[in-house]
């Protein structure tokens, strides 16, 4: 399965870099290949989530298109907001 990026997703790499939170294509691929959790969303979208650091997770919003995964957007989030307390 190939990973493709929407124009918006490509732009997010630049935005997060400017804000001091760089994300790489390899982190996106790893999150899609080995997520901690996948959350189904309306309209055929999914959110793959994976822990990045002790305080942050990476959330990748994507859809299936033919045999590809199309990344719509992605963003870091605080673990405290998106994970259940242990």
Protein backbone atom coordinates (compact mmCIF):
# COMPACT_ATOMS: atom_id res chain seq x y z
CA UNK A 1 0.00 0.00 0.00
CA UNK A 2 1.38 3.37 -1.00
CA UNK A 3 0.96 6.48 1.13
CA UNK A 4 -0.16 9.63 -0.64
CA UNK A 5 -0.62 13.08 0.88
CA UNK A 6 -3.22 15.73 0.17
CA UNK A 7 -1.97 19.26 -0.49
CA UNK A 8 -3.09 20.19 3.02
CA UNK A 9 -1.13 17.31 4.57
CA UNK A 10 2.02 18.36 2.68
CA UNK A 11 1.55 21.88 4.03
CA UNK A 12 1.23 20.55 7.61
CA UNK A 13 4.87 19.39 7.50
CA UNK A 14 5.91 23.04 7.02
CA UNK A 15 3.47 24.43 9.60
CA UNK A 16 4.56 22.04 12.34
CA UNK A 17 8.23 22.63 11.53
CA UNK A 18 7.72 26.39 11.95
CA UNK A 19 6.06 25.78 15.31
CA UNK A 20 8.99 23.72 16.53
CA UNK A 21 7.27 20.35 16.29
CA UNK A 22 8.69 18.69 13.16
CA UNK A 23 7.03 15.49 11.95
CA UNK A 24 8.63 13.26 9.31
CA UNK A 25 7.12 11.10 6.59
CA UNK A 26 8.71 8.12 8.31
CA UNK A 27 6.78 8.92 11.53
CA UNK A 28 3.56 9.10 9.49
CA UNK A 29 4.34 5.75 7.82
CA UNK A 30 5.14 4.15 11.19
CA UNK A 31 1.89 5.47 12.70
CA UNK A 32 -0.11 4.06 9.79
CA UNK A 33 1.73 0.70 9.83
CA UNK A 34 1.79 0.19 13.62
CA UNK A 35 -0.78 2.42 15.32
CA UNK A 36 -1.56 2.15 19.01
CA UNK A 37 -5.21 2.63 18.07
CA UNK A 38 -7.34 3.28 14.96
CA UNK A 39 -10.57 5.23 15.34
CA UNK A 40 -13.16 4.99 12.58
CA UNK A 41 -14.71 8.32 11.59
CA UNK A 42 -17.67 9.27 9.37
CA UNK A 43 -17.33 9.34 5.58
CA UNK A 44 -14.75 6.55 5.36
CA UNK A 45 -12.06 8.33 7.32
CA UNK A 46 -9.87 6.93 10.06
CA UNK A 47 -7.54 8.32 12.71
CA UNK A 48 -4.40 6.31 13.42
CA UNK A 49 -2.78 7.29 16.69
CA UNK A 50 0.67 6.45 18.06
CA UNK A 51 2.67 7.65 21.03
CA UNK A 52 5.47 10.04 20.04
CA UNK A 53 6.91 11.06 23.40
CA UNK A 54 6.02 10.77 27.06
CA UNK A 55 3.67 13.75 26.60
CA UNK A 56 2.55 13.57 22.96
CA UNK A 57 0.83 11.34 20.43
CA UNK A 58 0.73 11.67 16.66
CA UNK A 59 -2.74 11.52 15.10
CA UNK A 60 -2.99 10.83 11.35
CA UNK A 61 -6.34 11.31 9.58
CA UNK A 62 -6.54 9.20 6.42
CA UNK A 63 -8.81 7.36 4.00
CA UNK A 64 -8.44 4.33 1.76
CA UNK A 65 -8.41 5.10 -1.94
CA UNK A 66 -8.03 2.07 -4.19
CA UNK A 67 -4.95 0.35 -2.78
CA UNK A 68 -3.44 3.54 -1.33
CA UNK A 69 -3.71 5.31 2.00
CA UNK A 70 -4.38 9.02 1.52
CA UNK A 71 -3.23 11.18 4.44
CA UNK A 72 -5.68 14.05 4.82
CA UNK A 73 -3.99 15.73 7.78
CA UNK A 74 -1.99 14.93 10.89
CA UNK A 75 -1.26 16.63 14.16
CA UNK A 76 0.47 16.09 17.47
CA UNK A 77 -1.72 15.98 20.53
CA UNK A 78 -1.20 15.74 24.24
CA UNK A 79 -1.44 12.19 25.53
CA UNK A 80 -3.52 13.40 28.47
CA UNK A 81 -6.24 14.47 26.04
CA UNK A 82 -6.28 11.46 23.71
CA UNK A 83 -5.30 8.48 25.87
CA UNK A 84 -7.13 6.88 28.75
CA UNK A 85 -5.38 7.31 32.09
CA UNK A 86 -3.46 4.20 33.14
